[in-house]
C-alpha atoms as a PDB file:
ATOM      1  CA  MET A   1     -31.739 175.374  57.564  1.00  0.00           C
ATOM      2  CA  GLU A   2     -32.913 172.329  55.676  1.00  0.00           C
ATOM      3  CA  ALA A   3     -36.481 173.631  56.358  1.00  0.00           C
ATOM      4  CA  VAL A   4     -35.359 176.788  54.611  1.00  0.00           C
ATOM      5  CA  ALA A   5     -33.439 174.908  51.370  1.00  0.00           C
ATOM      6  CA  ALA A   6     -36.657 173.064  51.279  1.00  0.00           C
ATOM      7  CA  LEU A   7     -38.804 176.124  50.707  1.00  0.00           C
ATOM      8  CA  THR A   8     -36.716 177.983  48.280  1.00  0.00           C
ATOM      9  CA  ALA A   9     -37.114 177.422  44.692  1.00  0.00           C
ATOM     10  CA  ASP A  10     -34.509 176.373  41.990  1.00  0.00           C
ATOM     11  CA  ASN A  11     -32.688 179.539  41.577  1.00  0.00           C
ATOM     12  CA  GLY A  12     -34.567 181.081  44.145  1.00  0.00           C
ATOM     13  CA  GLN A  13     -32.664 183.302  46.601  1.00  0.00           C
ATOM     14  CA  VAL A  14     -32.811 183.922  50.588  1.00  0.00           C
ATOM     15  CA  PHE A  15     -31.378 187.033  52.182  1.00  0.00           C
ATOM     16  CA  MET A  16     -30.595 186.879  55.954  1.00  0.00           C
ATOM     17  CA  SER A  17     -29.510 189.226  58.544  1.00  0.00           C
ATOM     18  CA  LEU A  18     -27.718 187.972  61.676  1.00  0.00           C
ATOM     19  CA  ARG A  19     -27.232 189.950  64.549  1.00  0.00           C
ATOM     20  CA  HIS A  20     -24.124 189.587  66.784  1.00  0.00           C
ATOM     21  CA  GLY A  21     -23.614 190.935  70.336  1.00  0.00           C
ATOM     22  CA  PRO A  22     -25.006 190.136  73.717  1.00  0.00           C
ATOM     23  CA  ILE A  23     -28.768 188.651  73.878  1.00  0.00           C
ATOM     24  CA  PRO A  24     -31.323 190.934  75.152  1.00  0.00           C
ATOM     25  CA  GLU A  25     -32.828 189.988  78.327  1.00  0.00           C
ATOM     26  CA  GLY A  26     -36.375 187.986  77.382  1.00  0.00           C
ATOM     27  CA  ARG A  27     -35.028 187.288  73.786  1.00  0.00           C
ATOM     28  CA  ARG A  28     -34.289 184.135  72.164  1.00  0.00           C
ATOM     29  CA  MET A  29     -31.504 184.023  70.131  1.00  0.00           C
ATOM     30  CA  PHE A  30     -28.260 181.631  68.795  1.00  0.00           C
ATOM     31  CA  ASP A  31     -24.654 182.757  68.406  1.00  0.00           C
ATOM     32  CA  PHE A  32     -23.724 181.571  64.789  1.00  0.00           C
ATOM     33  CA  SER A  33     -21.204 183.255  62.698  1.00  0.00           C
ATOM     34  CA  ALA A  34     -21.790 184.260  59.045  1.00  0.00           C
ATOM     35  CA  GLU A  35     -19.274 181.695  58.278  1.00  0.00           C
ATOM     36  CA  ASP A  36     -20.918 178.786  60.207  1.00  0.00           C
ATOM     37  CA  THR A  37     -24.264 180.144  58.386  1.00  0.00           C
ATOM     38  CA  VAL A  38     -22.949 179.815  54.812  1.00  0.00           C
ATOM     39  CA  ARG A  39     -21.374 176.375  55.604  1.00  0.00           C
ATOM     40  CA  LEU A  40     -24.585 174.876  56.812  1.00  0.00           C
ATOM     41  CA  ALA A  41     -26.499 176.051  54.045  1.00  0.00           C
ATOM     42  CA  ALA A  42     -24.152 174.849  51.575  1.00  0.00           C
ATOM     43  CA  ARG A  43     -24.752 171.341  53.316  1.00  0.00           C
ATOM     44  CA  HIS A  44     -28.324 171.890  52.100  1.00  0.00           C
ATOM     45  CA  GLY A  45     -27.613 173.386  48.416  1.00  0.00           C
ATOM     46  CA  LEU A  46     -27.997 177.003  49.178  1.00  0.00           C
ATOM     47  CA  HIS A  47     -24.568 178.729  47.745  1.00  0.00           C
ATOM     48  CA  CYS A  48     -23.671 182.119  49.321  1.00  0.00           C
ATOM     49  CA  HIS A  49     -23.359 185.130  46.421  1.00  0.00           C
ATOM     50  CA  HIS A  50     -23.069 187.778  48.898  1.00  0.00           C
ATOM     51  CA  GLN A  51     -21.969 188.607  52.006  1.00  0.00           C
ATOM     52  CA  ALA A  52     -21.684 191.884  53.986  1.00  0.00           C
ATOM     53  CA  GLU A  53     -20.768 193.084  57.522  1.00  0.00           C
ATOM     54  CA  ARG A  54     -21.750 196.422  58.844  1.00  0.00           C
ATOM     55  CA  GLU A  55     -21.742 198.069  62.372  1.00  0.00           C
ATOM     56  CA  ASP A  56     -25.205 198.440  64.035  1.00  0.00           C
ATOM     57  CA  MET A  57     -27.767 200.897  62.755  1.00  0.00           C
ATOM     58  CA  LEU A  58     -28.551 201.898  66.172  1.00  0.00           C
ATOM     59  CA  GLY A  59     -25.103 202.845  67.258  1.00  0.00           C
ATOM     60  CA  ARG A  60     -24.840 199.985  69.734  1.00  0.00           C
ATOM     61  CA  ALA A  61     -21.065 199.773  70.082  1.00  0.00           C
ATOM     62  CA  ASP A  62     -21.456 195.773  71.103  1.00  0.00           C
ATOM     63  CA  VAL A  63     -23.798 194.830  68.060  1.00  0.00           C
ATOM     64  CA  SER A  64     -22.834 194.060  64.594  1.00  0.00           C
ATOM     65  CA  TRP A  65     -24.514 192.723  61.947  1.00  0.00           C
ATOM     66  CA  SER A  66     -24.115 190.091  58.761  1.00  0.00           C
ATOM     67  CA  PHE A  67     -25.936 190.074  55.677  1.00  0.00           C
ATOM     68  CA  LEU A  68     -26.049 187.033  53.481  1.00  0.00           C
ATOM     69  CA  ALA A  69     -27.813 186.124  50.263  1.00  0.00           C
ATOM     70  CA  LEU A  70     -28.049 182.705  49.302  1.00  0.00           C
ATOM     71  CA  ARG A  71     -29.012 180.922  46.171  1.00  0.00           C
ATOM     72  CA  ARG A  72     -30.235 177.574  45.389  1.00  0.00           C
ATOM     73  CA  LEU A  73     -28.678 176.536  42.392  1.00  0.00           C
ATOM     74  CA  ALA A  74     -31.396 174.739  39.598  1.00  0.00           C
ATOM     75  CA  ALA A  75     -31.029 171.086  39.672  1.00  0.00           C
ATOM     76  CA  SER A  76     -29.126 169.593  36.593  1.00  0.00           C
ATOM     77  CA  ALA A  77     -31.260 167.890  34.083  1.00  0.00           C
END
């Protein structure tokens, strides 16, 4: 998250989709909740201004998604 924040301009935005569910064979994934991700982002100066949850678009019952919009606020002068 530190690298993402460093690459984000003042007032810039980062959009993330987080996949929740079993990890497919041969794939590398990390189990983080949307809430954990928002807290981590805040520690690096990114503030969540939109969060949404939805079922899997492919109909997999054991997979769901979180969508986050994070903004880096401009530094005060």
